[in-house]
Amino acid sequence: MSADSQIFIPPSFIALYTDARGRLRGTPAELAARYELCEDLANHLVEQAQLLYHGAGAPSEGDILLGIHAGLAAPEAGFPDGQADWIVLRLAELLGWRAPALPGAAA
């Protein structure tokens, strides 16, 4: 990531990549690339979540978000270190839905 990058990475995502002393783990370029992936995925999942919500026998908003989280949190999905939580919370924000309590998340 160059010094003149126009990407704004929210503090909530940066927190996933900082240690207890506030130092960045990894390079700024790695952080930016991972943020773009997670943000793009959250935006992509908006339509899928809406289709599920408006389908026949539709589950609740919370159930949809928890189901998506379960898929993203699986080790083979490749979203470590709270990224699955962040994606689902961002998805809830994009949809204007109340975010559910995520399994294993701090209260």
PDB file of N, CA and C in Angstrom:
ATOM      1  N   MET A   1       0.860  -1.179   0.000  1.00  0.00           N
ATOM      2  CA  MET A   1       0.000   0.000   0.000  1.00  0.00           C
ATOM      3  C   MET A   1       0.896   1.229   0.000  1.00  0.00           C
ATOM      4  N   SER A   2       0.696   2.098  -0.922  1.00  0.00           N
ATOM      5  CA  SER A   2       1.528   3.290  -1.013  1.00  0.00           C
ATOM      6  C   SER A   2       1.041   4.364  -0.050  1.00  0.00           C
ATOM      7  N   ALA A   3       1.901   5.306   0.212  1.00  0.00           N
ATOM      8  CA  ALA A   3       1.566   6.387   1.140  1.00  0.00           C
ATOM      9  C   ALA A   3       0.420   7.237   0.626  1.00  0.00           C
ATOM     10  N   ASP A   4       0.197   7.258  -0.674  1.00  0.00           N
ATOM     11  CA  ASP A   4      -0.878   8.068  -1.237  1.00  0.00           C
ATOM     12  C   ASP A   4      -2.154   7.268  -1.494  1.00  0.00           C
ATOM     13  N   SER A   5      -2.301   6.119  -0.865  1.00  0.00           N
ATOM     14  CA  SER A   5      -3.477   5.272  -1.041  1.00  0.00           C
ATOM     15  C   SER A   5      -4.738   6.005  -0.594  1.00  0.00           C
ATOM     16  N   GLN A   6      -5.802   5.806  -1.343  1.00  0.00           N
ATOM     17  CA  GLN A   6      -7.076   6.454  -1.041  1.00  0.00           C
ATOM     18  C   GLN A   6      -8.005   5.567  -0.216  1.00  0.00           C
ATOM     19  N   ILE A   7      -7.558   4.377   0.144  1.00  0.00           N
ATOM     20  CA  ILE A   7      -8.397   3.433   0.881  1.00  0.00           C
ATOM     21  C   ILE A   7      -8.486   3.852   2.345  1.00  0.00           C
ATOM     22  N   PHE A   8      -9.724   3.988   2.834  1.00  0.00           N
ATOM     23  CA  PHE A   8      -9.941   4.228   4.256  1.00  0.00           C
ATOM     24  C   PHE A   8     -10.252   2.888   4.908  1.00  0.00           C
ATOM     25  N   ILE A   9      -9.422   2.477   5.838  1.00  0.00           N
ATOM     26  CA  ILE A   9      -9.639   1.229   6.560  1.00  0.00           C
ATOM     27  C   ILE A   9     -10.170   1.605   7.943  1.00  0.00           C
ATOM     28  N   PRO A  10     -11.377   1.153   8.279  1.00  0.00           N
ATOM     29  CA  PRO A  10     -11.964   1.548   9.549  1.00  0.00           C
ATOM     30  C   PRO A  10     -11.195   0.971  10.746  1.00  0.00           C
ATOM     31  N   PRO A  11     -11.223   1.692  11.854  1.00  0.00           N
ATOM     32  CA  PRO A  11     -10.529   1.221  13.058  1.00  0.00           C
ATOM     33  C   PRO A  11     -10.958  -0.173  13.492  1.00  0.00           C
ATOM     34  N   SER A  12     -12.216  -0.531  13.265  1.00  0.00           N
ATOM     35  CA  SER A  12     -12.696  -1.855  13.654  1.00  0.00           C
ATOM     36  C   SER A  12     -11.958  -2.962  12.913  1.00  0.00           C
ATOM     37  N   PHE A  13     -11.539  -2.705  11.684  1.00  0.00           N
ATOM     38  CA  PHE A  13     -10.778  -3.701  10.936  1.00  0.00           C
ATOM     39  C   PHE A  13      -9.308  -3.645  11.312  1.00  0.00           C
ATOM     40  N   ILE A  14      -8.776  -2.461  11.476  1.00  0.00           N
ATOM     41  CA  ILE A  14      -7.375  -2.321  11.882  1.00  0.00           C
ATOM     42  C   ILE A  14      -7.137  -3.043  13.201  1.00  0.00           C
ATOM     43  N   ALA A  15      -8.119  -3.016  14.090  1.00  0.00           N
ATOM     44  CA  ALA A  15      -7.981  -3.684  15.396  1.00  0.00           C
ATOM     45  C   ALA A  15      -7.721  -5.178  15.247  1.00  0.00           C
ATOM     46  N   LEU A  16      -8.191  -5.787  14.165  1.00  0.00           N
ATOM     47  CA  LEU A  16      -7.942  -7.203  13.929  1.00  0.00           C
ATOM     48  C   LEU A  16      -6.470  -7.474  13.653  1.00  0.00           C
ATOM     49  N   TYR A  17      -5.747  -6.465  13.240  1.00  0.00           N
ATOM     50  CA  TYR A  17      -4.344  -6.610  12.837  1.00  0.00           C
ATOM     51  C   TYR A  17      -3.371  -5.878  13.748  1.00  0.00           C
ATOM     52  N   THR A  18      -3.796  -5.536  14.934  1.00  0.00           N
ATOM     53  CA  THR A  18      -2.878  -4.896  15.880  1.00  0.00           C
ATOM     54  C   THR A  18      -2.707  -5.783  17.098  1.00  0.00           C
ATOM     55  N   ASP A  19      -1.518  -5.694  17.685  1.00  0.00           N
ATOM     56  CA  ASP A  19      -1.253  -6.482  18.885  1.00  0.00           C
ATOM     57  C   ASP A  19      -1.703  -5.701  20.118  1.00  0.00           C
ATOM     58  N   ALA A  20      -1.453  -6.264  21.283  1.00  0.00           N
ATOM     59  CA  ALA A  20      -1.906  -5.648  22.536  1.00  0.00           C
ATOM     60  C   ALA A  20      -1.287  -4.270  22.757  1.00  0.00           C
ATOM     61  N   ARG A  21      -0.147  -4.009  22.150  1.00  0.00           N
ATOM     62  CA  ARG A  21       0.509  -2.714  22.304  1.00  0.00           C
ATOM     63  C   ARG A  21       0.145  -1.740  21.189  1.00  0.00           C
ATOM     64  N   GLY A  22      -0.789  -2.140  20.326  1.00  0.00           N
ATOM     65  CA  GLY A  22      -1.244  -1.259  19.263  1.00  0.00           C
ATOM     66  C   GLY A  22      -0.375  -1.258  18.028  1.00  0.00           C
ATOM     67  N   ARG A  23       0.556  -2.214  17.926  1.00  0.00           N
ATOM     68  CA  ARG A  23       1.425  -2.295  16.753  1.00  0.00           C
ATOM     69  C   ARG A  23       0.769  -3.153  15.679  1.00  0.00           C
ATOM     70  N   LEU A  24       0.953  -2.754  14.457  1.00  0.00           N
ATOM     71  CA  LEU A  24       0.385  -3.461  13.322  1.00  0.00           C
ATOM     72  C   LEU A  24       1.114  -4.790  13.114  1.00  0.00           C
ATOM     73  N   ARG A  25       0.327  -5.870  13.004  1.00  0.00           N
ATOM     74  CA  ARG A  25       0.876  -7.184  12.649  1.00  0.00           C
ATOM     75  C   ARG A  25       0.748  -7.315  11.138  1.00  0.00           C
ATOM     76  N   GLY A  26       1.835  -7.488  10.445  1.00  0.00           N
ATOM     77  CA  GLY A  26       1.818  -7.543   8.994  1.00  0.00           C
ATOM     78  C   GLY A  26       2.121  -6.185   8.405  1.00  0.00           C
ATOM     79  N   THR A  27       2.128  -6.151   7.088  1.00  0.00           N
ATOM     80  CA  THR A  27       2.444  -4.904   6.395  1.00  0.00           C
ATOM     81  C   THR A  27       1.168  -4.121   6.100  1.00  0.00           C
ATOM     82  N   PRO A  28       1.311  -2.828   5.885  1.00  0.00           N
ATOM     83  CA  PRO A  28       0.137  -2.049   5.489  1.00  0.00           C
ATOM     84  C   PRO A  28      -0.512  -2.576   4.205  1.00  0.00           C
ATOM     85  N   ALA A  29       0.306  -3.081   3.276  1.00  0.00           N
ATOM     86  CA  ALA A  29      -0.244  -3.629   2.033  1.00  0.00           C
ATOM     87  C   ALA A  29      -1.086  -4.867   2.303  1.00  0.00           C
ATOM     88  N   GLU A  30      -0.633  -5.729   3.217  1.00  0.00           N
ATOM     89  CA  GLU A  30      -1.402  -6.917   3.582  1.00  0.00           C
ATOM     90  C   GLU A  30      -2.724  -6.526   4.237  1.00  0.00           C
ATOM     91  N   LEU A  31      -2.660  -5.546   5.120  1.00  0.00           N
ATOM     92  CA  LEU A  31      -3.866  -5.054   5.788  1.00  0.00           C
ATOM     93  C   LEU A  31      -4.855  -4.515   4.766  1.00  0.00           C
ATOM     94  N   ALA A  32      -4.391  -3.702   3.841  1.00  0.00           N
ATOM     95  CA  ALA A  32      -5.268  -3.109   2.835  1.00  0.00           C
ATOM     96  C   ALA A  32      -5.887  -4.176   1.940  1.00  0.00           C
ATOM     97  N   ALA A  33      -5.078  -5.146   1.526  1.00  0.00           N
ATOM     98  CA  ALA A  33      -5.595  -6.208   0.658  1.00  0.00           C
ATOM     99  C   ALA A  33      -6.649  -7.039   1.375  1.00  0.00           C
ATOM    100  N   ARG A  34      -6.395  -7.362   2.620  1.00  0.00           N
ATOM    101  CA  ARG A  34      -7.359  -8.182   3.370  1.00  0.00           C
ATOM    102  C   ARG A  34      -8.635  -7.391   3.641  1.00  0.00           C
ATOM    103  N   TYR A  35      -8.487  -6.098   3.952  1.00  0.00           N
ATOM    104  CA  TYR A  35      -9.668  -5.250   4.157  1.00  0.00           C
ATOM    105  C   TYR A  35     -10.524  -5.200   2.892  1.00  0.00           C
ATOM    106  N   GLU A  36      -9.881  -4.987   1.751  1.00  0.00           N
ATOM    107  CA  GLU A  36     -10.635  -4.916   0.500  1.00  0.00           C
ATOM    108  C   GLU A  36     -11.383  -6.220   0.238  1.00  0.00           C
ATOM    109  N   LEU A  37     -10.750  -7.349   0.513  1.00  0.00           N
ATOM    110  CA  LEU A  37     -11.408  -8.642   0.337  1.00  0.00           C
ATOM    111  C   LEU A  37     -12.633  -8.756   1.243  1.00  0.00           C
ATOM    112  N   CYS A  38     -12.462  -8.431   2.524  1.00  0.00           N
ATOM    113  CA  CYS A  38     -13.566  -8.562   3.485  1.00  0.00           C
ATOM    114  C   CYS A  38     -14.694  -7.576   3.180  1.00  0.00           C
ATOM    115  N   GLU A  39     -14.357  -6.359   2.829  1.00  0.00           N
ATOM    116  CA  GLU A  39     -15.371  -5.351   2.484  1.00  0.00           C
ATOM    117  C   GLU A  39     -16.126  -5.763   1.224  1.00  0.00           C
ATOM    118  N   ASP A  40     -15.392  -6.223   0.221  1.00  0.00           N
ATOM    119  CA  ASP A  40     -16.040  -6.674  -1.018  1.00  0.00           C
ATOM    120  C   ASP A  40     -16.977  -7.852  -0.751  1.00  0.00           C
ATOM    121  N   LEU A  41     -16.544  -8.793   0.078  1.00  0.00           N
ATOM    122  CA  LEU A  41     -17.383  -9.940   0.388  1.00  0.00           C
ATOM    123  C   LEU A  41     -18.646  -9.515   1.127  1.00  0.00           C
ATOM    124  N   ALA A  42     -18.522  -8.618   2.098  1.00  0.00           N
ATOM    125  CA  ALA A  42     -19.703  -8.133   2.816  1.00  0.00           C
ATOM    126  C   ALA A  42     -20.690  -7.499   1.845  1.00  0.00           C
ATOM    127  N   ASN A  43     -20.191  -6.696   0.917  1.00  0.00           N
ATOM    128  CA  ASN A  43     -21.065  -6.067  -0.074  1.00  0.00           C
ATOM    129  C   ASN A  43     -21.693  -7.093  -1.009  1.00  0.00           C
ATOM    130  N   HIS A  44     -20.922  -8.077  -1.382  1.00  0.00           N
ATOM    131  CA  HIS A  44     -21.438  -9.128  -2.261  1.00  0.00           C
ATOM    132  C   HIS A  44     -22.536  -9.945  -1.569  1.00  0.00           C
ATOM    133  N   LEU A  45     -22.412 -10.149  -0.272  1.00  0.00           N
ATOM    134  CA  LEU A  45     -23.377 -10.961   0.469  1.00  0.00           C
ATOM    135  C   LEU A  45     -24.704 -10.260   0.731  1.00  0.00           C
ATOM    136  N   VAL A  46     -24.769  -8.959   0.492  1.00  0.00           N
ATOM    137  CA  VAL A  46     -26.020  -8.217   0.708  1.00  0.00           C
ATOM    138  C   VAL A  46     -27.149  -8.836  -0.110  1.00  0.00           C
ATOM    139  N   GLU A  47     -26.928  -9.024  -1.392  1.00  0.00           N
ATOM    140  CA  GLU A  47     -27.980  -9.566  -2.253  1.00  0.00           C
ATOM    141  C   GLU A  47     -28.375 -10.981  -1.826  1.00  0.00           C
ATOM    142  N   GLN A  48     -27.389 -11.802  -1.496  1.00  0.00           N
ATOM    143  CA  GLN A  48     -27.677 -13.173  -1.064  1.00  0.00           C
ATOM    144  C   GLN A  48     -28.531 -13.174   0.205  1.00  0.00           C
ATOM    145  N   ALA A  49     -28.181 -12.344   1.168  1.00  0.00           N
ATOM    146  CA  ALA A  49     -28.940 -12.275   2.421  1.00  0.00           C
ATOM    147  C   ALA A  49     -30.373 -11.798   2.158  1.00  0.00           C
ATOM    148  N   GLN A  50     -30.532 -10.819   1.284  1.00  0.00           N
ATOM    149  CA  GLN A  50     -31.874 -10.332   0.957  1.00  0.00           C
ATOM    150  C   GLN A  50     -32.707 -11.408   0.275  1.00  0.00           C
ATOM    151  N   LEU A  51     -32.096 -12.169  -0.623  1.00  0.00           N
ATOM    152  CA  LEU A  51     -32.814 -13.260  -1.275  1.00  0.00           C
ATOM    153  C   LEU A  51     -33.263 -14.306  -0.257  1.00  0.00           C
ATOM    154  N   LEU A  52     -32.405 -14.637   0.670  1.00  0.00           N
ATOM    155  CA  LEU A  52     -32.773 -15.596   1.718  1.00  0.00           C
ATOM    156  C   LEU A  52     -33.911 -15.055   2.581  1.00  0.00           C
ATOM    157  N   TYR A  53     -33.840 -13.783   2.893  1.00  0.00           N
ATOM    158  CA  TYR A  53     -34.840 -13.168   3.768  1.00  0.00           C
ATOM    159  C   TYR A  53     -36.218 -13.115   3.112  1.00  0.00           C
ATOM    160  N   HIS A  54     -36.246 -12.898   1.814  1.00  0.00           N
ATOM    161  CA  HIS A  54     -37.518 -12.752   1.114  1.00  0.00           C
ATOM    162  C   HIS A  54     -37.999 -14.048   0.466  1.00  0.00           C
ATOM    163  N   GLY A  55     -37.274 -15.124   0.669  1.00  0.00           N
ATOM    164  CA  GLY A  55     -37.655 -16.408   0.099  1.00  0.00           C
ATOM    165  C   GLY A  55     -38.764 -17.083   0.884  1.00  0.00           C
ATOM    166  N   ALA A  56     -39.273 -18.162   0.323  1.00  0.00           N
ATOM    167  CA  ALA A  56     -40.323 -18.942   0.988  1.00  0.00           C
ATOM    168  C   ALA A  56     -39.764 -19.571   2.256  1.00  0.00           C
ATOM    169  N   GLY A  57     -40.528 -19.520   3.340  1.00  0.00           N
ATOM    170  CA  GLY A  57     -40.079 -20.073   4.618  1.00  0.00           C
ATOM    171  C   GLY A  57     -38.851 -19.358   5.138  1.00  0.00           C
ATOM    172  N   ALA A  58     -38.814 -18.058   4.906  1.00  0.00           N
ATOM    173  CA  ALA A  58     -37.625 -17.264   5.205  1.00  0.00           C
ATOM    174  C   ALA A  58     -37.251 -17.293   6.681  1.00  0.00           C
ATOM    175  N   PRO A  59     -35.967 -17.495   6.941  1.00  0.00           N
ATOM    176  CA  PRO A  59     -35.491 -17.391   8.318  1.00  0.00           C
ATOM    177  C   PRO A  59     -35.432 -15.921   8.748  1.00  0.00           C
ATOM    178  N   SER A  60     -35.216 -15.697  10.012  1.00  0.00           N
ATOM    179  CA  SER A  60     -35.118 -14.329  10.517  1.00  0.00           C
ATOM    180  C   SER A  60     -33.803 -13.697  10.061  1.00  0.00           C
ATOM    181  N   GLU A  61     -33.721 -12.394  10.189  1.00  0.00           N
ATOM    182  CA  GLU A  61     -32.493 -11.680   9.849  1.00  0.00           C
ATOM    183  C   GLU A  61     -31.318 -12.254  10.637  1.00  0.00           C
ATOM    184  N   GLY A  62     -31.516 -12.426  11.936  1.00  0.00           N
ATOM    185  CA  GLY A  62     -30.453 -12.960  12.786  1.00  0.00           C
ATOM    186  C   GLY A  62     -30.027 -14.352  12.377  1.00  0.00           C
ATOM    187  N   ASP A  63     -30.994 -15.202  12.023  1.00  0.00           N
ATOM    188  CA  ASP A  63     -30.658 -16.563  11.590  1.00  0.00           C
ATOM    189  C   ASP A  63     -29.862 -16.550  10.283  1.00  0.00           C
ATOM    190  N   ILE A  64     -30.206 -15.655   9.398  1.00  0.00           N
ATOM    191  CA  ILE A  64     -29.464 -15.541   8.136  1.00  0.00           C
ATOM    192  C   ILE A  64     -28.026 -15.125   8.426  1.00  0.00           C
ATOM    193  N   LEU A  65     -27.859 -14.109   9.246  1.00  0.00           N
ATOM    194  CA  LEU A  65     -26.514 -13.637   9.570  1.00  0.00           C
ATOM    195  C   LEU A  65     -25.703 -14.701  10.302  1.00  0.00           C
ATOM    196  N   LEU A  66     -26.336 -15.427  11.209  1.00  0.00           N
ATOM    197  CA  LEU A  66     -25.627 -16.494  11.926  1.00  0.00           C
ATOM    198  C   LEU A  66     -25.232 -17.623  10.981  1.00  0.00           C
ATOM    199  N   GLY A  67     -26.078 -17.931  10.023  1.00  0.00           N
ATOM    200  CA  GLY A  67     -25.745 -18.960   9.039  1.00  0.00           C
ATOM    201  C   GLY A  67     -24.561 -18.553   8.174  1.00  0.00           C
ATOM    202  N   ILE A  68     -24.557 -17.305   7.749  1.00  0.00           N
ATOM    203  CA  ILE A  68     -23.430 -16.794   6.961  1.00  0.00           C
ATOM    204  C   ILE A  68     -22.163 -16.821   7.806  1.00  0.00           C
ATOM    205  N   HIS A  69     -22.296 -16.419   9.060  1.00  0.00           N
ATOM    206  CA  HIS A  69     -21.135 -16.433   9.957  1.00  0.00           C
ATOM    207  C   HIS A  69     -20.579 -17.843  10.120  1.00  0.00           C
ATOM    208  N   ALA A  70     -21.460 -18.816  10.262  1.00  0.00           N
ATOM    209  CA  ALA A  70     -21.004 -20.199  10.431  1.00  0.00           C
ATOM    210  C   ALA A  70     -20.161 -20.634   9.235  1.00  0.00           C
ATOM    211  N   GLY A  71     -20.582 -20.264   8.050  1.00  0.00           N
ATOM    212  CA  GLY A  71     -19.814 -20.610   6.857  1.00  0.00           C
ATOM    213  C   GLY A  71     -18.473 -19.900   6.803  1.00  0.00           C
ATOM    214  N   LEU A  72     -18.466 -18.629   7.144  1.00  0.00           N
ATOM    215  CA  LEU A  72     -17.229 -17.851   7.090  1.00  0.00           C
ATOM    216  C   LEU A  72     -16.253 -18.218   8.199  1.00  0.00           C
ATOM    217  N   ALA A  73     -16.779 -18.641   9.340  1.00  0.00           N
ATOM    218  CA  ALA A  73     -15.930 -18.963  10.485  1.00  0.00           C
ATOM    219  C   ALA A  73     -15.304 -20.349  10.395  1.00  0.00           C
ATOM    220  N   ALA A  74     -15.757 -21.171   9.461  1.00  0.00           N
ATOM    221  CA  ALA A  74     -15.166 -22.500   9.290  1.00  0.00           C
ATOM    222  C   ALA A  74     -13.700 -22.333   8.873  1.00  0.00           C
ATOM    223  N   PRO A  75     -12.806 -23.139   9.438  1.00  0.00           N
ATOM    224  CA  PRO A  75     -11.375 -22.980   9.132  1.00  0.00           C
ATOM    225  C   PRO A  75     -11.058 -22.994   7.636  1.00  0.00           C
ATOM    226  N   GLU A  76     -11.766 -23.824   6.886  1.00  0.00           N
ATOM    227  CA  GLU A  76     -11.475 -23.922   5.449  1.00  0.00           C
ATOM    228  C   GLU A  76     -11.924 -22.692   4.656  1.00  0.00           C
ATOM    229  N   ALA A  77     -12.709 -21.807   5.263  1.00  0.00           N
ATOM    230  CA  ALA A  77     -13.150 -20.598   4.567  1.00  0.00           C
ATOM    231  C   ALA A  77     -12.022 -19.577   4.433  1.00  0.00           C
ATOM    232  N   GLY A  78     -11.058 -19.628   5.334  1.00  0.00           N
ATOM    233  CA  GLY A  78      -9.896 -18.747   5.225  1.00  0.00           C
ATOM    234  C   GLY A  78     -10.078 -17.350   5.775  1.00  0.00           C
ATOM    235  N   PHE A  79     -10.939 -17.200   6.773  1.00  0.00           N
ATOM    236  CA  PHE A  79     -11.139 -15.890   7.399  1.00  0.00           C
ATOM    237  C   PHE A  79     -10.784 -15.956   8.888  1.00  0.00           C
ATOM    238  N   PRO A  80      -9.479 -15.898   9.196  1.00  0.00           N
ATOM    239  CA  PRO A  80      -9.021 -16.017  10.587  1.00  0.00           C
ATOM    240  C   PRO A  80      -9.116 -14.702  11.356  1.00  0.00           C
ATOM    241  N   ASP A  81      -8.790 -14.782  12.620  1.00  0.00           N
ATOM    242  CA  ASP A  81      -8.581 -13.600  13.469  1.00  0.00           C
ATOM    243  C   ASP A  81      -9.747 -12.625  13.517  1.00  0.00           C
ATOM    244  N   GLY A  82     -10.949 -13.130  13.631  1.00  0.00           N
ATOM    245  CA  GLY A  82     -12.103 -12.255  13.768  1.00  0.00           C
ATOM    246  C   GLY A  82     -12.634 -11.684  12.464  1.00  0.00           C
ATOM    247  N   GLN A  83     -12.049 -12.075  11.343  1.00  0.00           N
ATOM    248  CA  GLN A  83     -12.513 -11.526  10.074  1.00  0.00           C
ATOM    249  C   GLN A  83     -13.945 -11.951   9.758  1.00  0.00           C
ATOM    250  N   ALA A  84     -14.310 -13.184  10.095  1.00  0.00           N
ATOM    251  CA  ALA A  84     -15.692 -13.634   9.853  1.00  0.00           C
ATOM    252  C   ALA A  84     -16.664 -12.768  10.659  1.00  0.00           C
ATOM    253  N   ASP A  85     -16.309 -12.486  11.909  1.00  0.00           N
ATOM    254  CA  ASP A  85     -17.149 -11.612  12.736  1.00  0.00           C
ATOM    255  C   ASP A  85     -17.292 -10.246  12.079  1.00  0.00           C
ATOM    256  N   TRP A  86     -16.164  -9.683  11.644  1.00  0.00           N
ATOM    257  CA  TRP A  86     -16.182  -8.350  11.052  1.00  0.00           C
ATOM    258  C   TRP A  86     -17.051  -8.331   9.805  1.00  0.00           C
ATOM    259  N   ILE A  87     -16.921  -9.335   8.953  1.00  0.00           N
ATOM    260  CA  ILE A  87     -17.704  -9.382   7.710  1.00  0.00           C
ATOM    261  C   ILE A  87     -19.198  -9.422   8.023  1.00  0.00           C
ATOM    262  N   VAL A  88     -19.593 -10.251   8.977  1.00  0.00           N
ATOM    263  CA  VAL A  88     -21.018 -10.377   9.308  1.00  0.00           C
ATOM    264  C   VAL A  88     -21.537  -9.098   9.962  1.00  0.00           C
ATOM    265  N   LEU A  89     -20.753  -8.482  10.819  1.00  0.00           N
ATOM    266  CA  LEU A  89     -21.187  -7.222  11.431  1.00  0.00           C
ATOM    267  C   LEU A  89     -21.293  -6.117  10.377  1.00  0.00           C
ATOM    268  N   ARG A  90     -20.378  -6.122   9.427  1.00  0.00           N
ATOM    269  CA  ARG A  90     -20.444  -5.143   8.326  1.00  0.00           C
ATOM    270  C   ARG A  90     -21.654  -5.423   7.440  1.00  0.00           C
ATOM    271  N   LEU A  91     -21.919  -6.698   7.183  1.00  0.00           N
ATOM    272  CA  LEU A  91     -23.090  -7.080   6.398  1.00  0.00           C
ATOM    273  C   LEU A  91     -24.370  -6.604   7.080  1.00  0.00           C
ATOM    274  N   ALA A  92     -24.476  -6.814   8.374  1.00  0.00           N
ATOM    275  CA  ALA A  92     -25.653  -6.340   9.113  1.00  0.00           C
ATOM    276  C   ALA A  92     -25.796  -4.825   8.975  1.00  0.00           C
ATOM    277  N   GLU A  93     -24.679  -4.123   9.054  1.00  0.00           N
ATOM    278  CA  GLU A  93     -24.701  -2.667   8.905  1.00  0.00           C
ATOM    279  C   GLU A  93     -25.190  -2.274   7.509  1.00  0.00           C
ATOM    280  N   LEU A  94     -24.677  -2.943   6.491  1.00  0.00           N
ATOM    281  CA  LEU A  94     -25.088  -2.633   5.116  1.00  0.00           C
ATOM    282  C   LEU A  94     -26.569  -2.902   4.880  1.00  0.00           C
ATOM    283  N   LEU A  95     -27.084  -3.947   5.518  1.00  0.00           N
ATOM    284  CA  LEU A  95     -28.489  -4.306   5.361  1.00  0.00           C
ATOM    285  C   LEU A  95     -29.419  -3.482   6.251  1.00  0.00           C
ATOM    286  N   GLY A  96     -28.858  -2.841   7.254  1.00  0.00           N
ATOM    287  CA  GLY A  96     -29.677  -2.130   8.226  1.00  0.00           C
ATOM    288  C   GLY A  96     -30.364  -3.086   9.188  1.00  0.00           C
ATOM    289  N   TRP A  97     -29.757  -4.256   9.400  1.00  0.00           N
ATOM    290  CA  TRP A  97     -30.297  -5.270  10.302  1.00  0.00           C
ATOM    291  C   TRP A  97     -29.563  -5.214  11.627  1.00  0.00           C
ATOM    292  N   ARG A  98     -30.246  -5.653  12.647  1.00  0.00           N
ATOM    293  CA  ARG A  98     -29.619  -5.738  13.969  1.00  0.00           C
ATOM    294  C   ARG A  98     -28.606  -6.886  13.950  1.00  0.00           C
ATOM    295  N   ALA A  99     -27.403  -6.607  14.411  1.00  0.00           N
ATOM    296  CA  ALA A  99     -26.363  -7.632  14.430  1.00  0.00           C
ATOM    297  C   ALA A  99     -26.635  -8.631  15.552  1.00  0.00           C
ATOM    298  N   PRO A 100     -26.537  -9.917  15.248  1.00  0.00           N
ATOM    299  CA  PRO A 100     -26.755 -10.920  16.289  1.00  0.00           C
ATOM    300  C   PRO A 100     -25.518 -11.078  17.162  1.00  0.00           C
ATOM    301  N   ALA A 101     -25.709 -11.703  18.311  1.00  0.00           N
ATOM    302  CA  ALA A 101     -24.559 -12.069  19.150  1.00  0.00           C
ATOM    303  C   ALA A 101     -23.876 -13.241  18.435  1.00  0.00           C
ATOM    304  N   LEU A 102     -22.622 -13.049  18.094  1.00  0.00           N
ATOM    305  CA  LEU A 102     -21.890 -14.060  17.340  1.00  0.00           C
ATOM    306  C   LEU A 102     -21.246 -15.066  18.281  1.00  0.00           C
ATOM    307  N   PRO A 103     -21.225 -16.326  17.909  1.00  0.00           N
ATOM    308  CA  PRO A 103     -20.599 -17.348  18.759  1.00  0.00           C
ATOM    309  C   PRO A 103     -19.136 -17.037  19.003  1.00  0.00           C
ATOM    310  N   GLY A 104     -18.733 -17.091  20.253  1.00  0.00           N
ATOM    311  CA  GLY A 104     -17.339 -16.877  20.611  1.00  0.00           C
ATOM    312  C   GLY A 104     -16.899 -15.418  20.654  1.00  0.00           C
ATOM    313  N   ALA A 105     -17.782 -14.499  20.288  1.00  0.00           N
ATOM    314  CA  ALA A 105     -17.423 -13.079  20.317  1.00  0.00           C
ATOM    315  C   ALA A 105     -17.465 -12.563  21.749  1.00  0.00           C
ATOM    316  N   ALA A 106     -16.595 -11.601  22.017  1.00  0.00           N
ATOM    317  CA  ALA A 106     -16.564 -10.999  23.355  1.00  0.00           C
ATOM    318  C   ALA A 106     -17.874 -10.256  23.610  1.00  0.00           C
ATOM    319  N   ALA A 107     -18.358 -10.350  24.817  1.00  0.00           N
ATOM    320  CA  ALA A 107     -19.638  -9.709  25.168  1.00  0.00           C
ATOM    321  C   ALA A 107     -19.498  -8.202  25.258  1.00  0.00           C
TER     322      ALA A 107
END
